[in-house]
Structure formats: C-alpha cells, structure tokens
N, C-alpha and C. Protein backbone atom coordinates (compact mmCIF):
# COMPACT_ATOMS: atom_id res chain seq x y z
N MET A 1 66.33 68.39 149.42
CA MET A 1 65.81 69.51 148.94
C MET A 1 65.50 69.72 147.46
N GLU A 2 64.43 70.18 147.17
CA GLU A 2 63.99 70.38 145.76
C GLU A 2 64.30 71.74 145.23
N ASN A 3 64.69 71.67 143.96
CA ASN A 3 64.81 73.05 143.21
C ASN A 3 63.54 73.70 143.04
N ASP A 4 63.34 75.03 143.37
CA ASP A 4 62.12 75.68 143.13
C ASP A 4 62.11 76.19 141.83
N ASN A 5 61.44 75.56 140.87
CA ASN A 5 61.32 75.94 139.36
C ASN A 5 62.54 76.15 138.76
N ASN A 6 63.49 75.44 138.87
CA ASN A 6 64.88 75.37 138.38
C ASN A 6 65.49 76.89 138.42
N ALA A 7 65.35 77.55 139.59
CA ALA A 7 65.79 78.97 139.82
C ALA A 7 67.41 78.98 139.55
N GLN A 8 67.74 80.06 138.87
CA GLN A 8 69.20 80.23 138.65
C GLN A 8 69.58 81.40 139.42
N TYR A 9 70.79 81.30 140.02
CA TYR A 9 71.33 82.41 140.74
C TYR A 9 72.58 82.87 140.00
N TYR A 10 72.52 84.29 140.08
CA TYR A 10 73.69 85.06 139.38
C TYR A 10 74.35 85.88 140.43
N GLU A 11 75.71 86.13 140.29
CA GLU A 11 76.35 87.08 141.04
C GLU A 11 75.91 88.50 140.65
N PRO A 12 75.81 89.37 141.81
CA PRO A 12 75.48 90.83 141.25
C PRO A 12 76.71 91.42 140.50
N VAL A 13 76.25 92.29 139.61
CA VAL A 13 77.22 92.97 138.85
C VAL A 13 77.90 94.00 139.77
N SER A 14 79.21 94.19 139.60
CA SER A 14 80.00 95.06 140.41
C SER A 14 79.62 96.51 140.06
N ALA A 15 79.52 97.30 141.10
CA ALA A 15 79.00 98.73 140.98
C ALA A 15 80.29 99.56 140.67
N GLU A 16 81.42 98.98 140.76
CA GLU A 16 82.66 99.72 140.58
C GLU A 16 83.20 99.73 139.24
N PHE A 17 82.29 99.43 138.14
CA PHE A 17 82.69 99.42 136.77
C PHE A 17 83.07 100.88 136.34
N ASN A 18 84.33 101.01 135.79
CA ASN A 18 84.80 102.25 135.43
C ASN A 18 85.06 102.26 133.86
N ASN A 19 84.38 103.12 133.17
CA ASN A 19 84.51 103.37 131.82
C ASN A 19 85.44 104.30 131.32
N ASP A 20 86.39 104.86 132.10
CA ASP A 20 87.26 105.89 131.78
C ASP A 20 88.51 105.26 131.06
N ILE A 21 89.23 106.13 130.52
CA ILE A 21 90.50 105.65 129.68
C ILE A 21 91.56 105.48 130.87
N PRO A 22 92.20 104.30 130.73
CA PRO A 22 93.37 104.09 131.70
C PRO A 22 94.42 105.14 131.72
N ALA A 23 95.05 105.31 132.74
CA ALA A 23 96.15 106.48 132.89
C ALA A 23 97.23 106.34 131.95
N ASN A 24 97.52 105.12 131.43
CA ASN A 24 98.71 104.96 130.69
C ASN A 24 98.35 105.03 129.17
N VAL A 25 97.12 105.34 128.77
CA VAL A 25 96.68 105.48 127.41
C VAL A 25 96.42 106.85 127.07
N GLN A 26 97.06 107.41 126.13
CA GLN A 26 96.94 108.87 125.83
C GLN A 26 95.79 109.09 124.89
N ALA A 27 94.95 110.01 124.94
CA ALA A 27 93.73 110.21 124.23
C ALA A 27 94.07 110.57 122.87
N GLY A 28 93.41 110.08 121.84
CA GLY A 28 93.77 110.38 120.44
C GLY A 28 95.04 109.84 119.86
N LYS A 29 95.62 108.84 120.48
CA LYS A 29 96.84 108.36 120.04
C LYS A 29 96.71 107.56 118.70
N GLY A 30 95.70 106.88 118.41
CA GLY A 30 95.46 106.32 117.14
C GLY A 30 95.34 107.33 115.99
N PRO A 31 94.64 108.38 116.05
CA PRO A 31 94.60 109.30 114.99
C PRO A 31 95.87 109.99 114.80
N ALA A 32 96.70 110.22 115.99
CA ALA A 32 97.95 110.84 115.76
C ALA A 32 98.94 109.97 114.91
N ILE A 33 98.93 108.63 115.35
CA ILE A 33 99.78 107.69 114.45
C ILE A 33 99.28 107.70 112.94
N ALA A 34 97.92 107.75 112.71
CA ALA A 34 97.46 107.86 111.33
C ALA A 34 97.89 109.10 110.66
N ALA A 35 97.90 110.18 111.50
CA ALA A 35 98.28 111.49 110.85
C ALA A 35 99.84 111.52 110.49
N LEU A 36 100.62 110.81 111.31
CA LEU A 36 101.95 110.74 111.00
C LEU A 36 102.26 109.81 109.78
N VAL A 37 101.60 108.68 109.73
CA VAL A 37 101.86 107.77 108.65
C VAL A 37 101.33 108.41 107.29
N THR A 38 100.22 108.90 107.35
CA THR A 38 99.60 109.59 106.15
C THR A 38 100.29 110.72 105.67
N GLY A 39 100.91 111.52 106.66
CA GLY A 39 101.65 112.75 106.35
C GLY A 39 103.01 112.22 105.64
N ILE A 40 103.70 111.16 106.20
CA ILE A 40 104.91 110.72 105.42
C ILE A 40 104.49 110.20 104.05
N LEU A 41 103.51 109.54 103.85
CA LEU A 41 103.13 109.09 102.64
C LEU A 41 102.83 110.29 101.68
N GLY A 42 102.10 111.32 102.15
CA GLY A 42 101.85 112.44 101.49
C GLY A 42 102.97 113.29 100.91
N VAL A 43 104.00 113.31 101.74
CA VAL A 43 105.24 113.90 101.24
C VAL A 43 106.05 113.05 100.19
N LEU A 44 106.16 111.73 100.60
CA LEU A 44 106.95 110.95 99.71
C LEU A 44 106.35 110.58 98.31
N CYS A 45 105.08 110.45 98.44
CA CYS A 45 104.28 110.16 97.15
C CYS A 45 103.68 111.33 96.46
N CYS A 46 103.79 112.52 97.10
CA CYS A 46 102.96 113.70 96.50
C CYS A 46 101.70 113.40 96.20
N SER A 47 101.00 112.69 97.20
CA SER A 47 99.65 112.29 96.92
C SER A 47 98.61 113.03 97.75
N PRO A 48 97.34 112.84 97.40
CA PRO A 48 96.33 113.49 98.41
C PRO A 48 96.24 112.89 99.73
N CYS A 49 97.20 111.94 100.08
CA CYS A 49 97.14 111.44 101.30
C CYS A 49 97.36 112.41 102.38
N ALA A 50 98.09 113.66 101.87
CA ALA A 50 98.31 114.71 102.88
C ALA A 50 97.02 115.21 103.35
N VAL A 51 95.94 115.16 102.75
CA VAL A 51 94.62 115.69 103.11
C VAL A 51 94.23 114.92 104.30
N ALA A 52 94.31 113.55 104.28
CA ALA A 52 94.02 112.52 105.33
C ALA A 52 94.94 112.86 106.59
N ALA A 53 96.07 113.23 106.31
CA ALA A 53 97.09 113.55 107.37
C ALA A 53 96.55 114.83 108.13
N ILE A 54 96.08 115.76 107.47
CA ILE A 54 95.62 116.96 108.18
C ILE A 54 94.21 116.68 109.01
N ILE A 55 93.50 115.94 108.26
CA ILE A 55 92.21 115.58 108.96
C ILE A 55 92.55 114.76 110.33
N CYS A 56 93.28 113.73 110.15
CA CYS A 56 93.68 112.88 111.38
C CYS A 56 94.46 113.73 112.42
N ALA A 57 95.23 114.64 111.97
CA ALA A 57 95.81 115.50 113.11
C ALA A 57 94.84 116.37 113.80
N ILE A 58 93.91 116.91 113.00
CA ILE A 58 92.88 117.73 113.61
C ILE A 58 92.12 116.90 114.62
N VAL A 59 91.77 115.74 114.26
CA VAL A 59 90.88 114.84 115.01
C VAL A 59 91.78 114.59 116.43
N ALA A 60 93.00 114.19 116.23
CA ALA A 60 93.83 113.82 117.45
C ALA A 60 94.15 115.07 118.26
N LYS A 61 94.23 116.25 117.65
CA LYS A 61 94.42 117.44 118.53
C LYS A 61 93.05 117.78 119.23
N SER A 62 91.93 117.55 118.67
CA SER A 62 90.63 117.86 119.22
C SER A 62 90.35 116.85 120.41
N LYS A 63 90.91 115.72 120.44
CA LYS A 63 90.82 114.70 121.49
C LYS A 63 91.75 114.99 122.62
N GLY A 64 92.59 116.02 122.48
CA GLY A 64 93.39 116.36 123.55
C GLY A 64 94.81 115.73 123.49
N ASN A 65 95.18 115.24 122.32
CA ASN A 65 96.45 114.65 122.22
C ASN A 65 97.44 115.77 122.11
N LYS A 66 98.55 115.73 122.83
CA LYS A 66 99.52 116.75 122.84
C LYS A 66 100.96 116.32 122.44
N SER A 67 101.04 115.10 121.81
CA SER A 67 102.29 114.51 121.27
C SER A 67 102.64 115.11 120.09
N GLY A 68 103.93 114.93 119.81
CA GLY A 68 104.57 115.43 118.64
C GLY A 68 104.12 114.66 117.31
N MET A 69 103.58 113.49 117.44
CA MET A 69 103.00 112.87 116.26
C MET A 69 102.04 113.59 115.57
N ALA A 70 101.00 114.04 116.33
CA ALA A 70 99.90 114.75 115.61
C ALA A 70 100.39 116.11 114.97
N THR A 71 101.25 116.78 115.69
CA THR A 71 101.95 117.96 115.08
C THR A 71 102.74 117.68 113.81
N ALA A 72 103.50 116.68 113.93
CA ALA A 72 104.33 116.21 112.86
C ALA A 72 103.48 115.76 111.60
N GLY A 73 102.37 115.13 111.95
CA GLY A 73 101.39 114.80 110.84
C GLY A 73 100.79 115.96 110.18
N LEU A 74 100.48 116.98 110.97
CA LEU A 74 99.87 118.27 110.48
C LEU A 74 100.83 118.85 109.53
N VAL A 75 102.17 119.05 110.03
CA VAL A 75 103.17 119.79 109.18
C VAL A 75 103.41 119.05 107.90
N LEU A 76 103.55 117.65 108.16
CA LEU A 76 103.89 116.97 106.86
C LEU A 76 102.77 116.94 105.93
N GLY A 77 101.43 117.05 106.41
CA GLY A 77 100.33 117.14 105.46
C GLY A 77 100.26 118.40 104.74
N ILE A 78 100.74 119.51 105.46
CA ILE A 78 100.73 120.79 104.86
C ILE A 78 101.78 120.75 103.68
N ILE A 79 103.02 120.24 104.07
CA ILE A 79 103.97 120.22 103.19
C ILE A 79 103.68 119.37 101.85
N GLY A 80 103.01 118.23 102.22
CA GLY A 80 102.59 117.35 101.12
C GLY A 80 101.67 117.97 100.11
N ILE A 81 100.72 118.73 100.62
CA ILE A 81 99.78 119.66 99.83
C ILE A 81 100.40 120.55 99.03
N VAL A 82 101.50 121.23 99.68
CA VAL A 82 102.09 122.32 98.90
C VAL A 82 102.91 121.77 97.77
N VAL A 83 103.65 120.72 98.06
CA VAL A 83 104.45 120.01 97.00
C VAL A 83 103.50 119.49 95.87
N PHE A 84 102.26 118.95 96.28
CA PHE A 84 101.36 118.37 95.28
C PHE A 84 100.89 119.62 94.37
N ILE A 85 100.62 120.70 95.04
CA ILE A 85 100.11 121.84 94.09
C ILE A 85 101.19 122.36 93.30
N ILE A 86 102.43 122.51 93.74
CA ILE A 86 103.55 122.91 92.87
C ILE A 86 103.78 121.91 91.70
N ASN A 87 103.67 120.69 92.09
CA ASN A 87 103.75 119.65 90.94
C ASN A 87 102.79 119.87 89.82
N ILE A 88 101.52 120.14 90.21
CA ILE A 88 100.37 120.27 89.36
C ILE A 88 100.60 121.57 88.55
N ILE A 89 101.04 122.57 89.09
CA ILE A 89 101.26 123.90 88.37
C ILE A 89 102.39 123.74 87.30
N LEU A 90 103.60 122.93 87.85
CA LEU A 90 104.68 122.78 87.04
C LEU A 90 104.31 121.87 85.68
N ALA A 91 103.45 120.91 86.11
CA ALA A 91 102.97 120.03 84.85
C ALA A 91 102.11 120.69 84.00
N ALA A 92 101.32 121.59 84.59
CA ALA A 92 100.28 122.29 83.60
C ALA A 92 100.95 123.33 82.71
N THR A 93 102.11 123.87 83.25
CA THR A 93 102.89 124.99 82.40
C THR A 93 103.81 124.39 81.42
N GLY A 94 104.06 123.16 81.61
CA GLY A 94 105.03 122.39 80.79
C GLY A 94 106.49 122.47 81.25
N ALA A 95 106.67 122.82 82.53
CA ALA A 95 108.02 122.88 83.16
C ALA A 95 108.49 121.51 83.54
N LEU A 96 107.58 120.54 83.74
CA LEU A 96 107.94 119.23 83.96
C LEU A 96 107.90 118.43 82.67
N ASP A 97 108.93 118.38 82.03
CA ASP A 97 109.03 117.64 80.73
C ASP A 97 110.03 116.53 80.86
N PHE A 98 109.47 115.35 80.91
CA PHE A 98 110.09 114.00 81.10
C PHE A 98 110.64 113.45 79.64
N SER A 99 110.21 114.07 78.72
CA SER A 99 110.62 113.53 77.35
C SER A 99 112.07 113.40 77.20
N TYR A 100 112.81 114.32 77.85
CA TYR A 100 114.35 114.22 77.77
C TYR A 100 114.85 112.95 78.33
N TYR A 101 114.07 112.55 79.40
CA TYR A 101 114.66 111.20 80.12
C TYR A 101 114.15 109.94 79.25
N LEU A 102 113.01 110.16 78.37
CA LEU A 102 112.72 109.01 77.73
C LEU A 102 113.28 108.79 76.41
N ASN A 103 114.03 109.88 75.87
CA ASN A 103 114.82 109.65 74.59
C ASN A 103 116.29 109.37 74.95
N TYR A 104 116.61 108.05 74.82
CA TYR A 104 117.95 107.58 75.29
C TYR A 104 118.84 107.91 73.99
C-alpha cells in the first residue's frame, strides 16, 4: 500500500477538557500568602510593604479566599501603616532623638 500524499493522522482532542480549579486548591491562595508575608515585613521593618499587604489581602478576599492568611495580612498591613505613620510623626516632632545613643 502506498501513502496518500504522506497523510498524517492525529488522535482527536478529548472533549472532556476541564479548565476549572481543582477541588483541593483554594482560590486566591497565592495573594493570601503574599499578604501575610508582606504584612509581617511591614510590621517588623515599619516599611511601606504594609501597603502591599493590604492590596494583596484585598485581591485574595475578592477571589473568594476565606482563609486566615488573608485576614492576618490585612490586619498586619494596617498595623504596619499605623506604626509607620507614628514613626514619621515622632521623627518630625523631634521625639525620636537617637543622638543620646550615639554619644558614648
């Protein structure tokens, strides 16, 4: 038998392709983890990372994540921003004077 114009045969694509999230993966888990990590960094370093924690927590909550990680990230982000603002106010008023520690 001869090949008819070198015809190639492919298997048909399955019609059962499912693009849904698997049952064991929670929606918005990545942003929830990011919110928790940046929230911890925002509190420890008193940095603007707290803003990123709030944004990531809002994204995780909007995707339907009901875990405590997103909530903890949101709370830590708010605490980080409050501590950051208090530090700025204290530095501006001169209440944070580190010259005492620098003069041995």
